[in-house]
């Protein structure tokens, strides 16, 4: 079961770069399919949010072990996709996190360190 995640979120396309964003979105989906098929990641999910006036309108959630995600983030191909996204998406960025068993482990660590 995956413990780690990479959350890559964005607000919207930079005005005038919508076509670039649409093309890159399709290319990135093909890339994710390949990562999952090769076992580089365990799975991925794409979420598009309803319009709500906020600055987060969609995200990709990549799941895998910490080792898988570390190795992925070290590749030129991953870094190139993130860099390209930053050039045509407003408010885009990637952040690591935990899911599944990892949540309980982090919470146990957190509660163990609470002051008395």
PDB file of N, CA and C in Angstrom:
ATOM      1  N   UNK A   1       0.838  -1.179   0.000  1.00  0.00           N
ATOM      2  CA  UNK A   1       0.000   0.000   0.000  1.00  0.00           C
ATOM      3  C   UNK A   1       0.887   1.249   0.000  1.00  0.00           C
ATOM      4  N   UNK A   2       0.545   2.215  -0.810  1.00  0.00           N
ATOM      5  CA  UNK A   2       1.312   3.449  -0.905  1.00  0.00           C
ATOM      6  C   UNK A   2       1.214   4.262   0.371  1.00  0.00           C
ATOM      7  N   UNK A   3       2.352   4.803   0.776  1.00  0.00           N
ATOM      8  CA  UNK A   3       2.371   5.723   1.901  1.00  0.00           C
ATOM      9  C   UNK A   3       2.606   7.147   1.437  1.00  0.00           C
ATOM     10  N   UNK A   4       3.348   7.294   0.354  1.00  0.00           N
ATOM     11  CA  UNK A   4       3.731   8.613  -0.106  1.00  0.00           C
ATOM     12  C   UNK A   4       2.889   9.119  -1.252  1.00  0.00           C
ATOM     13  N   UNK A   5       2.820  10.433  -1.366  1.00  0.00           N
ATOM     14  CA  UNK A   5       2.140  11.070  -2.488  1.00  0.00           C
ATOM     15  C   UNK A   5       2.940  12.287  -2.942  1.00  0.00           C
ATOM     16  N   UNK A   6       2.772  12.604  -4.195  1.00  0.00           N
ATOM     17  CA  UNK A   6       3.168  13.907  -4.724  1.00  0.00           C
ATOM     18  C   UNK A   6       1.871  14.575  -5.161  1.00  0.00           C
ATOM     19  N   UNK A   7       1.616  15.742  -4.623  1.00  0.00           N
ATOM     20  CA  UNK A   7       0.442  16.541  -4.951  1.00  0.00           C
ATOM     21  C   UNK A   7       0.930  17.665  -5.847  1.00  0.00           C
ATOM     22  N   UNK A   8       0.488  17.660  -7.126  1.00  0.00           N
ATOM     23  CA  UNK A   8       0.843  18.737  -8.051  1.00  0.00           C
ATOM     24  C   UNK A   8      -0.444  19.474  -8.385  1.00  0.00           C
ATOM     25  N   UNK A   9      -0.577  20.680  -7.856  1.00  0.00           N
ATOM     26  CA  UNK A   9      -1.792  21.448  -8.046  1.00  0.00           C
ATOM     27  C   UNK A   9      -1.552  22.693  -8.873  1.00  0.00           C
ATOM     28  N   UNK A  10      -2.656  23.261  -9.367  1.00  0.00           N
ATOM     29  CA  UNK A  10      -2.581  24.485 -10.166  1.00  0.00           C
ATOM     30  C   UNK A  10      -3.870  25.272 -10.022  1.00  0.00           C
ATOM     31  N   UNK A  11      -3.765  26.540 -10.405  1.00  0.00           N
ATOM     32  CA  UNK A  11      -4.929  27.420 -10.416  1.00  0.00           C
ATOM     33  C   UNK A  11      -5.585  27.378 -11.795  1.00  0.00           C
ATOM     34  N   UNK A  12      -4.925  27.970 -12.780  1.00  0.00           N
ATOM     35  CA  UNK A  12      -5.470  28.007 -14.137  1.00  0.00           C
ATOM     36  C   UNK A  12      -4.346  28.250 -15.120  1.00  0.00           C
ATOM     37  N   UNK A  13      -4.658  28.128 -16.389  1.00  0.00           N
ATOM     38  CA  UNK A  13      -3.674  28.424 -17.424  1.00  0.00           C
ATOM     39  C   UNK A  13      -3.362  29.916 -17.427  1.00  0.00           C
ATOM     40  N   UNK A  14      -2.113  30.224 -17.705  1.00  0.00           N
ATOM     41  CA  UNK A  14      -1.745  31.623 -17.918  1.00  0.00           C
ATOM     42  C   UNK A  14      -2.527  32.095 -19.141  1.00  0.00           C
ATOM     43  N   UNK A  15      -3.204  33.255 -19.070  1.00  0.00           N
ATOM     44  CA  UNK A  15      -3.951  33.736 -20.232  1.00  0.00           C
ATOM     45  C   UNK A  15      -3.069  33.778 -21.486  1.00  0.00           C
ATOM     46  N   UNK A  16      -3.600  33.230 -22.566  1.00  0.00           N
ATOM     47  CA  UNK A  16      -2.874  33.146 -23.827  1.00  0.00           C
ATOM     48  C   UNK A  16      -2.099  31.846 -23.994  1.00  0.00           C
ATOM     49  N   UNK A  17      -2.002  31.058 -22.938  1.00  0.00           N
ATOM     50  CA  UNK A  17      -1.253  29.792 -23.011  1.00  0.00           C
ATOM     51  C   UNK A  17      -2.168  28.582 -22.816  1.00  0.00           C
ATOM     52  N   UNK A  18      -3.450  28.778 -23.006  1.00  0.00           N
ATOM     53  CA  UNK A  18      -4.410  27.690 -22.792  1.00  0.00           C
ATOM     54  C   UNK A  18      -4.161  26.499 -23.701  1.00  0.00           C
ATOM     55  N   UNK A  19      -3.817  26.738 -24.969  1.00  0.00           N
ATOM     56  CA  UNK A  19      -3.557  25.634 -25.896  1.00  0.00           C
ATOM     57  C   UNK A  19      -2.330  24.832 -25.471  1.00  0.00           C
ATOM     58  N   UNK A  20      -1.314  25.525 -24.982  1.00  0.00           N
ATOM     59  CA  UNK A  20      -0.118  24.847 -24.490  1.00  0.00           C
ATOM     60  C   UNK A  20      -0.489  23.990 -23.283  1.00  0.00           C
ATOM     61  N   UNK A  21      -1.313  24.541 -22.382  1.00  0.00           N
ATOM     62  CA  UNK A  21      -1.743  23.794 -21.198  1.00  0.00           C
ATOM     63  C   UNK A  21      -2.532  22.553 -21.586  1.00  0.00           C
ATOM     64  N   UNK A  22      -3.443  22.686 -22.528  1.00  0.00           N
ATOM     65  CA  UNK A  22      -4.264  21.547 -22.946  1.00  0.00           C
ATOM     66  C   UNK A  22      -3.401  20.445 -23.543  1.00  0.00           C
ATOM     67  N   UNK A  23      -2.447  20.813 -24.380  1.00  0.00           N
ATOM     68  CA  UNK A  23      -1.562  19.820 -24.999  1.00  0.00           C
ATOM     69  C   UNK A  23      -0.670  19.158 -23.949  1.00  0.00           C
ATOM     70  N   UNK A  24      -0.143  19.945 -23.020  1.00  0.00           N
ATOM     71  CA  UNK A  24       0.732  19.385 -21.992  1.00  0.00           C
ATOM     72  C   UNK A  24      -0.056  18.476 -21.055  1.00  0.00           C
ATOM     73  N   UNK A  25      -1.301  18.826 -20.768  1.00  0.00           N
ATOM     74  CA  UNK A  25      -2.152  17.990 -19.928  1.00  0.00           C
ATOM     75  C   UNK A  25      -2.261  16.590 -20.524  1.00  0.00           C
ATOM     76  N   UNK A  26      -2.529  16.493 -21.822  1.00  0.00           N
ATOM     77  CA  UNK A  26      -2.645  15.187 -22.489  1.00  0.00           C
ATOM     78  C   UNK A  26      -1.311  14.440 -22.481  1.00  0.00           C
ATOM     79  N   UNK A  27      -0.239  15.158 -22.710  1.00  0.00           N
ATOM     80  CA  UNK A  27       1.085  14.543 -22.705  1.00  0.00           C
ATOM     81  C   UNK A  27       1.429  14.021 -21.301  1.00  0.00           C
ATOM     82  N   UNK A  28       1.093  14.807 -20.281  1.00  0.00           N
ATOM     83  CA  UNK A  28       1.390  14.409 -18.907  1.00  0.00           C
ATOM     84  C   UNK A  28       0.571  13.181 -18.502  1.00  0.00           C
ATOM     85  N   UNK A  29      -0.671  13.105 -18.961  1.00  0.00           N
ATOM     86  CA  UNK A  29      -1.479  11.908 -18.687  1.00  0.00           C
ATOM     87  C   UNK A  29      -0.833  10.662 -19.285  1.00  0.00           C
ATOM     88  N   UNK A  30      -0.348  10.756 -20.519  1.00  0.00           N
ATOM     89  CA  UNK A  30       0.343   9.618 -21.141  1.00  0.00           C
ATOM     90  C   UNK A  30       1.596   9.249 -20.346  1.00  0.00           C
ATOM     91  N   UNK A  31       2.303  10.242 -19.870  1.00  0.00           N
ATOM     92  CA  UNK A  31       3.489  10.032 -19.047  1.00  0.00           C
ATOM     93  C   UNK A  31       3.118   9.276 -17.766  1.00  0.00           C
ATOM     94  N   UNK A  32       2.034   9.692 -17.101  1.00  0.00           N
ATOM     95  CA  UNK A  32       1.603   9.028 -15.869  1.00  0.00           C
ATOM     96  C   UNK A  32       1.181   7.587 -16.113  1.00  0.00           C
ATOM     97  N   UNK A  33       0.483   7.341 -17.212  1.00  0.00           N
ATOM     98  CA  UNK A  33       0.109   5.965 -17.565  1.00  0.00           C
ATOM     99  C   UNK A  33       1.368   5.117 -17.681  1.00  0.00           C
ATOM    100  N   UNK A  34       2.370   5.633 -18.346  1.00  0.00           N
ATOM    101  CA  UNK A  34       3.625   4.904 -18.502  1.00  0.00           C
ATOM    102  C   UNK A  34       4.319   4.656 -17.169  1.00  0.00           C
ATOM    103  N   UNK A  35       4.294   5.657 -16.289  1.00  0.00           N
ATOM    104  CA  UNK A  35       4.907   5.483 -14.963  1.00  0.00           C
ATOM    105  C   UNK A  35       4.213   4.378 -14.181  1.00  0.00           C
ATOM    106  N   UNK A  36       2.891   4.340 -14.261  1.00  0.00           N
ATOM    107  CA  UNK A  36       2.154   3.312 -13.536  1.00  0.00           C
ATOM    108  C   UNK A  36       2.399   1.934 -14.157  1.00  0.00           C
ATOM    109  N   UNK A  37       2.355   1.849 -15.474  1.00  0.00           N
ATOM    110  CA  UNK A  37       2.565   0.564 -16.138  1.00  0.00           C
ATOM    111  C   UNK A  37       3.954   0.006 -15.871  1.00  0.00           C
ATOM    112  N   UNK A  38       4.948   0.881 -15.736  1.00  0.00           N
ATOM    113  CA  UNK A  38       6.324   0.425 -15.506  1.00  0.00           C
ATOM    114  C   UNK A  38       6.615   0.159 -14.026  1.00  0.00           C
ATOM    115  N   UNK A  39       5.673   0.511 -13.147  1.00  0.00           N
ATOM    116  CA  UNK A  39       5.886   0.317 -11.713  1.00  0.00           C
ATOM    117  C   UNK A  39       6.680   1.429 -11.059  1.00  0.00           C
ATOM    118  N   UNK A  40       6.913   2.503 -11.792  1.00  0.00           N
ATOM    119  CA  UNK A  40       7.640   3.645 -11.227  1.00  0.00           C
ATOM    120  C   UNK A  40       6.825   4.307 -10.121  1.00  0.00           C
ATOM    121  N   UNK A  41       5.503   4.348 -10.297  1.00  0.00           N
ATOM    122  CA  UNK A  41       4.579   4.794  -9.260  1.00  0.00           C
ATOM    123  C   UNK A  41       3.521   3.714  -9.095  1.00  0.00           C
ATOM    124  N   UNK A  42       2.828   3.735  -7.954  1.00  0.00           N
ATOM    125  CA  UNK A  42       1.763   2.755  -7.736  1.00  0.00           C
ATOM    126  C   UNK A  42       0.501   3.141  -8.491  1.00  0.00           C
ATOM    127  N   UNK A  43       0.143   4.421  -8.428  1.00  0.00           N
ATOM    128  CA  UNK A  43      -1.071   4.886  -9.092  1.00  0.00           C
ATOM    129  C   UNK A  43      -1.062   6.405  -9.158  1.00  0.00           C
ATOM    130  N   UNK A  44      -2.054   6.935  -9.849  1.00  0.00           N
ATOM    131  CA  UNK A  44      -2.228   8.385  -9.927  1.00  0.00           C
ATOM    132  C   UNK A  44      -3.708   8.683 -10.022  1.00  0.00           C
ATOM    133  N   UNK A  45      -4.045   9.913  -9.708  1.00  0.00           N
ATOM    134  CA  UNK A  45      -5.425  10.370  -9.829  1.00  0.00           C
ATOM    135  C   UNK A  45      -5.397  11.811 -10.302  1.00  0.00           C
ATOM    136  N   UNK A  46      -6.353  12.161 -11.147  1.00  0.00           N
ATOM    137  CA  UNK A  46      -6.503  13.524 -11.630  1.00  0.00           C
ATOM    138  C   UNK A  46      -7.802  14.067 -11.064  1.00  0.00           C
ATOM    139  N   UNK A  47      -7.751  15.257 -10.485  1.00  0.00           N
ATOM    140  CA  UNK A  47      -8.945  15.870  -9.906  1.00  0.00           C
ATOM    141  C   UNK A  47      -9.087  17.276 -10.474  1.00  0.00           C
ATOM    142  N   UNK A  48     -10.252  17.557 -11.044  1.00  0.00           N
ATOM    143  CA  UNK A  48     -10.603  18.900 -11.489  1.00  0.00           C
ATOM    144  C   UNK A  48     -11.718  19.391 -10.583  1.00  0.00           C
ATOM    145  N   UNK A  49     -11.546  20.561 -10.008  1.00  0.00           N
ATOM    146  CA  UNK A  49     -12.490  21.090  -9.035  1.00  0.00           C
ATOM    147  C   UNK A  49     -13.514  22.004  -9.693  1.00  0.00           C
ATOM    148  N   UNK A  50     -14.722  22.014  -9.143  1.00  0.00           N
ATOM    149  CA  UNK A  50     -15.749  22.951  -9.603  1.00  0.00           C
ATOM    150  C   UNK A  50     -15.277  24.382  -9.376  1.00  0.00           C
ATOM    151  N   UNK A  51     -15.692  25.308 -10.249  1.00  0.00           N
ATOM    152  CA  UNK A  51     -15.357  26.715 -10.016  1.00  0.00           C
ATOM    153  C   UNK A  51     -15.860  27.157  -8.639  1.00  0.00           C
ATOM    154  N   UNK A  52     -14.964  27.816  -7.884  1.00  0.00           N
ATOM    155  CA  UNK A  52     -15.331  28.191  -6.520  1.00  0.00           C
ATOM    156  C   UNK A  52     -14.706  29.507  -6.087  1.00  0.00           C
ATOM    157  N   UNK A  53     -14.000  30.180  -6.970  1.00  0.00           N
ATOM    158  CA  UNK A  53     -13.393  31.459  -6.638  1.00  0.00           C
ATOM    159  C   UNK A  53     -12.064  31.340  -5.926  1.00  0.00           C
ATOM    160  N   UNK A  54     -11.594  30.125  -5.710  1.00  0.00           N
ATOM    161  CA  UNK A  54     -10.313  29.923  -5.035  1.00  0.00           C
ATOM    162  C   UNK A  54      -9.175  29.820  -6.021  1.00  0.00           C
ATOM    163  N   UNK A  55      -7.988  29.550  -5.494  1.00  0.00           N
ATOM    164  CA  UNK A  55      -6.815  29.486  -6.359  1.00  0.00           C
ATOM    165  C   UNK A  55      -6.290  28.072  -6.577  1.00  0.00           C
ATOM    166  N   UNK A  56      -7.085  27.072  -6.221  1.00  0.00           N
ATOM    167  CA  UNK A  56      -6.764  25.678  -6.540  1.00  0.00           C
ATOM    168  C   UNK A  56      -7.925  25.128  -7.356  1.00  0.00           C
ATOM    169  N   UNK A  57      -7.649  24.799  -8.617  1.00  0.00           N
ATOM    170  CA  UNK A  57      -8.715  24.346  -9.501  1.00  0.00           C
ATOM    171  C   UNK A  57      -8.508  22.941 -10.037  1.00  0.00           C
ATOM    172  N   UNK A  58      -7.374  22.348  -9.732  1.00  0.00           N
ATOM    173  CA  UNK A  58      -7.137  20.975 -10.136  1.00  0.00           C
ATOM    174  C   UNK A  58      -5.824  20.480  -9.589  1.00  0.00           C
ATOM    175  N   UNK A  59      -5.677  19.145  -9.577  1.00  0.00           N
ATOM    176  CA  UNK A  59      -4.413  18.578  -9.128  1.00  0.00           C
ATOM    177  C   UNK A  59      -4.258  17.143  -9.616  1.00  0.00           C
ATOM    178  N   UNK A  60      -2.995  16.733  -9.679  1.00  0.00           N
ATOM    179  CA  UNK A  60      -2.618  15.348  -9.903  1.00  0.00           C
ATOM    180  C   UNK A  60      -2.124  14.825  -8.567  1.00  0.00           C
ATOM    181  N   UNK A  61      -2.515  13.605  -8.226  1.00  0.00           N
ATOM    182  CA  UNK A  61      -2.040  12.959  -7.010  1.00  0.00           C
ATOM    183  C   UNK A  61      -1.339  11.676  -7.426  1.00  0.00           C
ATOM    184  N   UNK A  62      -0.023  11.630  -7.253  1.00  0.00           N
ATOM    185  CA  UNK A  62       0.777  10.461  -7.608  1.00  0.00           C
ATOM    186  C   UNK A  62       1.061   9.695  -6.329  1.00  0.00           C
ATOM    187  N   UNK A  63       0.815   8.389  -6.343  1.00  0.00           N
ATOM    188  CA  UNK A  63       1.011   7.554  -5.158  1.00  0.00           C
ATOM    189  C   UNK A  63       2.147   6.562  -5.375  1.00  0.00           C
ATOM    190  N   UNK A  64       2.919   6.354  -4.315  1.00  0.00           N
ATOM    191  CA  UNK A  64       3.996   5.377  -4.366  1.00  0.00           C
ATOM    192  C   UNK A  64       4.726   5.334  -3.052  1.00  0.00           C
ATOM    193  N   UNK A  65       5.720   4.475  -2.984  1.00  0.00           N
ATOM    194  CA  UNK A  65       6.566   4.438  -1.796  1.00  0.00           C
ATOM    195  C   UNK A  65       7.435   5.694  -1.803  1.00  0.00           C
ATOM    196  N   UNK A  66       8.000   6.013  -0.651  1.00  0.00           N
ATOM    197  CA  UNK A  66       8.894   7.167  -0.584  1.00  0.00           C
ATOM    198  C   UNK A  66      10.077   6.971  -1.522  1.00  0.00           C
ATOM    199  N   UNK A  67      10.564   5.744  -1.616  1.00  0.00           N
ATOM    200  CA  UNK A  67      11.690   5.453  -2.500  1.00  0.00           C
ATOM    201  C   UNK A  67      11.311   5.672  -3.972  1.00  0.00           C
ATOM    202  N   UNK A  68      10.122   5.213  -4.355  1.00  0.00           N
ATOM    203  CA  UNK A  68       9.664   5.416  -5.732  1.00  0.00           C
ATOM    204  C   UNK A  68       9.560   6.905  -6.051  1.00  0.00           C
ATOM    205  N   UNK A  69       8.969   7.656  -5.137  1.00  0.00           N
ATOM    206  CA  UNK A  69       8.745   9.080  -5.390  1.00  0.00           C
ATOM    207  C   UNK A  69      10.052   9.865  -5.382  1.00  0.00           C
ATOM    208  N   UNK A  70      10.997   9.495  -4.497  1.00  0.00           N
ATOM    209  CA  UNK A  70      12.311  10.141  -4.502  1.00  0.00           C
ATOM    210  C   UNK A  70      12.993   9.929  -5.847  1.00  0.00           C
ATOM    211  N   UNK A  71      12.962   8.677  -6.321  1.00  0.00           N
ATOM    212  CA  UNK A  71      13.609   8.352  -7.597  1.00  0.00           C
ATOM    213  C   UNK A  71      12.933   9.101  -8.748  1.00  0.00           C
ATOM    214  N   UNK A  72      11.607   9.165  -8.730  1.00  0.00           N
ATOM    215  CA  UNK A  72      10.882   9.873  -9.779  1.00  0.00           C
ATOM    216  C   UNK A  72      11.268  11.342  -9.817  1.00  0.00           C
ATOM    217  N   UNK A  73      11.256  11.989  -8.656  1.00  0.00           N
ATOM    218  CA  UNK A  73      11.536  13.421  -8.617  1.00  0.00           C
ATOM    219  C   UNK A  73      12.974  13.750  -9.023  1.00  0.00           C
ATOM    220  N   UNK A  74      13.849  12.777  -8.995  1.00  0.00           N
ATOM    221  CA  UNK A  74      15.238  12.994  -9.384  1.00  0.00           C
ATOM    222  C   UNK A  74      15.449  12.893 -10.889  1.00  0.00           C
ATOM    223  N   UNK A  75      14.417  12.480 -11.647  1.00  0.00           N
ATOM    224  CA  UNK A  75      14.594  12.303 -13.088  1.00  0.00           C
ATOM    225  C   UNK A  75      14.441  13.616 -13.836  1.00  0.00           C
ATOM    226  N   UNK A  76      15.178  13.727 -14.923  1.00  0.00           N
ATOM    227  CA  UNK A  76      15.060  14.908 -15.781  1.00  0.00           C
ATOM    228  C   UNK A  76      13.658  15.028 -16.363  1.00  0.00           C
ATOM    229  N   UNK A  77      13.068  13.891 -16.755  1.00  0.00           N
ATOM    230  CA  UNK A  77      11.741  13.937 -17.380  1.00  0.00           C
ATOM    231  C   UNK A  77      10.707  14.514 -16.419  1.00  0.00           C
ATOM    232  N   UNK A  78      10.700  14.084 -15.169  1.00  0.00           N
ATOM    233  CA  UNK A  78       9.771  14.633 -14.181  1.00  0.00           C
ATOM    234  C   UNK A  78      10.033  16.127 -13.988  1.00  0.00           C
ATOM    235  N   UNK A  79      11.302  16.493 -13.796  1.00  0.00           N
ATOM    236  CA  UNK A  79      11.643  17.899 -13.577  1.00  0.00           C
ATOM    237  C   UNK A  79      11.264  18.764 -14.784  1.00  0.00           C
ATOM    238  N   UNK A  80      11.411  18.228 -15.995  1.00  0.00           N
ATOM    239  CA  UNK A  80      11.007  18.971 -17.187  1.00  0.00           C
ATOM    240  C   UNK A  80       9.503  19.197 -17.230  1.00  0.00           C
ATOM    241  N   UNK A  81       8.713  18.194 -16.841  1.00  0.00           N
ATOM    242  CA  UNK A  81       7.260  18.376 -16.812  1.00  0.00           C
ATOM    243  C   UNK A  81       6.861  19.446 -15.793  1.00  0.00           C
ATOM    244  N   UNK A  82       7.467  19.418 -14.622  1.00  0.00           N
ATOM    245  CA  UNK A  82       7.157  20.423 -13.600  1.00  0.00           C
ATOM    246  C   UNK A  82       7.548  21.814 -14.090  1.00  0.00           C
ATOM    247  N   UNK A  83       8.723  21.920 -14.685  1.00  0.00           N
ATOM    248  CA  UNK A  83       9.187  23.215 -15.200  1.00  0.00           C
ATOM    249  C   UNK A  83       8.261  23.730 -16.294  1.00  0.00           C
ATOM    250  N   UNK A  84       7.886  22.857 -17.216  1.00  0.00           N
ATOM    251  CA  UNK A  84       6.962  23.267 -18.281  1.00  0.00           C
ATOM    252  C   UNK A  84       5.633  23.732 -17.697  1.00  0.00           C
ATOM    253  N   UNK A  85       5.104  22.975 -16.725  1.00  0.00           N
ATOM    254  CA  UNK A  85       3.848  23.368 -16.092  1.00  0.00           C
ATOM    255  C   UNK A  85       3.945  24.739 -15.447  1.00  0.00           C
ATOM    256  N   UNK A  86       5.068  25.020 -14.807  1.00  0.00           N
ATOM    257  CA  UNK A  86       5.248  26.323 -14.176  1.00  0.00           C
ATOM    258  C   UNK A  86       5.236  27.468 -15.180  1.00  0.00           C
ATOM    259  N   UNK A  87       5.586  27.167 -16.422  1.00  0.00           N
ATOM    260  CA  UNK A  87       5.621  28.204 -17.452  1.00  0.00           C
ATOM    261  C   UNK A  87       4.250  28.520 -18.045  1.00  0.00           C
ATOM    262  N   UNK A  88       3.285  27.606 -17.929  1.00  0.00           N
ATOM    263  CA  UNK A  88       1.980  27.878 -18.535  1.00  0.00           C
ATOM    264  C   UNK A  88       0.812  27.762 -17.558  1.00  0.00           C
ATOM    265  N   UNK A  89       1.101  27.482 -16.284  1.00  0.00           N
ATOM    266  CA  UNK A  89       0.033  27.393 -15.289  1.00  0.00           C
ATOM    267  C   UNK A  89       0.284  28.391 -14.163  1.00  0.00           C
ATOM    268  N   UNK A  90      -0.759  29.089 -13.774  1.00  0.00           N
ATOM    269  CA  UNK A  90      -0.651  29.982 -12.622  1.00  0.00           C
ATOM    270  C   UNK A  90      -0.796  29.165 -11.341  1.00  0.00           C
ATOM    271  N   UNK A  91      -0.012  29.511 -10.354  1.00  0.00           N
ATOM    272  CA  UNK A  91      -0.139  28.887  -9.044  1.00  0.00           C
ATOM    273  C   UNK A  91       0.155  27.405  -9.030  1.00  0.00           C
ATOM    274  N   UNK A  92       1.042  26.942  -9.902  1.00  0.00           N
ATOM    275  CA  UNK A  92       1.326  25.509  -9.945  1.00  0.00           C
ATOM    276  C   UNK A  92       2.474  25.168  -9.014  1.00  0.00           C
ATOM    277  N   UNK A  93       2.438  23.956  -8.511  1.00  0.00           N
ATOM    278  CA  UNK A  93       3.521  23.501  -7.665  1.00  0.00           C
ATOM    279  C   UNK A  93       3.290  22.091  -7.180  1.00  0.00           C
ATOM    280  N   UNK A  94       4.391  21.459  -6.797  1.00  0.00           N
ATOM    281  CA  UNK A  94       4.363  20.085  -6.310  1.00  0.00           C
ATOM    282  C   UNK A  94       4.816  20.061  -4.863  1.00  0.00           C
ATOM    283  N   UNK A  95       4.168  19.218  -4.087  1.00  0.00           N
ATOM    284  CA  UNK A  95       4.536  19.048  -2.690  1.00  0.00           C
ATOM    285  C   UNK A  95       4.362  17.594  -2.307  1.00  0.00           C
ATOM    286  N   UNK A  96       5.252  17.109  -1.453  1.00  0.00           N
ATOM    287  CA  UNK A  96       5.183  15.724  -0.990  1.00  0.00           C
ATOM    288  C   UNK A  96       4.240  15.619   0.188  1.00  0.00           C
ATOM    289  N   UNK A  97       3.682  14.444   0.380  1.00  0.00           N
ATOM    290  CA  UNK A  97       2.807  14.199   1.512  1.00  0.00           C
ATOM    291  C   UNK A  97       2.689  12.711   1.770  1.00  0.00           C
ATOM    292  N   UNK A  98       1.782  12.367   2.664  1.00  0.00           N
ATOM    293  CA  UNK A  98       1.551  10.969   3.011  1.00  0.00           C
ATOM    294  C   UNK A  98       0.075  10.642   2.859  1.00  0.00           C
ATOM    295  N   UNK A  99      -0.189   9.359   2.735  1.00  0.00           N
ATOM    296  CA  UNK A  99      -1.549   8.846   2.646  1.00  0.00           C
ATOM    297  C   UNK A  99      -1.560   7.461   3.300  1.00  0.00           C
ATOM    298  N   UNK A 100      -2.728   6.883   3.434  1.00  0.00           N
ATOM    299  CA  UNK A 100      -2.824   5.521   3.962  1.00  0.00           C
ATOM    300  C   UNK A 100      -2.158   5.378   5.316  1.00  0.00           C
ATOM    301  N   UNK A 101      -1.330   4.339   5.444  1.00  0.00           N
ATOM    302  CA  UNK A 101      -0.626   4.064   6.693  1.00  0.00           C
ATOM    303  C   UNK A 101       0.261   5.223   7.126  1.00  0.00           C
ATOM    304  N   UNK A 102       0.743   5.976   6.156  1.00  0.00           N
ATOM    305  CA  UNK A 102       1.621   7.100   6.461  1.00  0.00           C
ATOM    306  C   UNK A 102       0.951   8.157   7.321  1.00  0.00           C
ATOM    307  N   UNK A 103      -0.354   8.339   7.153  1.00  0.00           N
ATOM    308  CA  UNK A 103      -1.085   9.327   7.952  1.00  0.00           C
ATOM    309  C   UNK A 103      -1.041   8.941   9.423  1.00  0.00           C
ATOM    310  N   UNK A 104      -1.305   7.688   9.709  1.00  0.00           N
ATOM    311  CA  UNK A 104      -1.308   7.240  11.101  1.00  0.00           C
ATOM    312  C   UNK A 104       0.098   7.322  11.708  1.00  0.00           C
ATOM    313  N   UNK A 105       1.114   7.026  10.916  1.00  0.00           N
ATOM    314  CA  UNK A 105       2.488   7.128  11.411  1.00  0.00           C
ATOM    315  C   UNK A 105       2.845   8.572  11.737  1.00  0.00           C
ATOM    316  N   UNK A 106       2.483   9.503  10.846  1.00  0.00           N
ATOM    317  CA  UNK A 106       2.775  10.917  11.094  1.00  0.00           C
ATOM    318  C   UNK A 106       1.995  11.429  12.304  1.00  0.00           C
ATOM    319  N   UNK A 107       0.751  11.022  12.426  1.00  0.00           N
ATOM    320  CA  UNK A 107      -0.057  11.471  13.562  1.00  0.00           C
ATOM    321  C   UNK A 107       0.477  10.896  14.871  1.00  0.00           C
ATOM    322  N   UNK A 108       0.947   9.650  14.853  1.00  0.00           N
ATOM    323  CA  UNK A 108       1.532   9.053  16.055  1.00  0.00           C
ATOM    324  C   UNK A 108       2.791   9.822  16.454  1.00  0.00           C
ATOM    325  N   UNK A 109       3.617  10.181  15.482  1.00  0.00           N
ATOM    326  CA  UNK A 109       4.817  10.957  15.760  1.00  0.00           C
ATOM    327  C   UNK A 109       4.442  12.326  16.316  1.00  0.00           C
ATOM    328  N   UNK A 110       3.448  12.953  15.723  1.00  0.00           N
ATOM    329  CA  UNK A 110       3.012  14.284  16.148  1.00  0.00           C
ATOM    330  C   UNK A 110       2.480  14.246  17.583  1.00  0.00           C
ATOM    331  N   UNK A 111       1.575  13.296  17.862  1.00  0.00           N
ATOM    332  CA  UNK A 111       0.987  13.247  19.201  1.00  0.00           C
ATOM    333  C   UNK A 111       2.026  12.848  20.252  1.00  0.00           C
ATOM    334  N   UNK A 112       3.014  12.020  19.881  1.00  0.00           N
ATOM    335  CA  UNK A 112       4.062  11.629  20.815  1.00  0.00           C
ATOM    336  C   UNK A 112       4.940  12.816  21.202  1.00  0.00           C
ATOM    337  N   UNK A 113       4.959  13.833  20.376  1.00  0.00           N
ATOM    338  CA  UNK A 113       5.809  15.002  20.634  1.00  0.00           C
ATOM    339  C   UNK A 113       5.055  16.199  21.184  1.00  0.00           C
ATOM    340  N   UNK A 114       3.782  16.034  21.471  1.00  0.00           N
ATOM    341  CA  UNK A 114       3.010  17.113  22.089  1.00  0.00           C
ATOM    342  C   UNK A 114       3.520  17.363  23.513  1.00  0.00           C
ATOM    343  N   UNK A 115       3.580  18.614  23.917  1.00  0.00           N
ATOM    344  CA  UNK A 115       4.001  18.877  25.297  1.00  0.00           C
ATOM    345  C   UNK A 115       2.950  18.356  26.281  1.00  0.00           C
ATOM    346  N   UNK A 116       3.418  17.977  27.444  1.00  0.00           N
ATOM    347  CA  UNK A 116       2.509  17.469  28.483  1.00  0.00           C
ATOM    348  C   UNK A 116       1.629  18.562  29.043  1.00  0.00           C
TER     349      UNK A 116
END
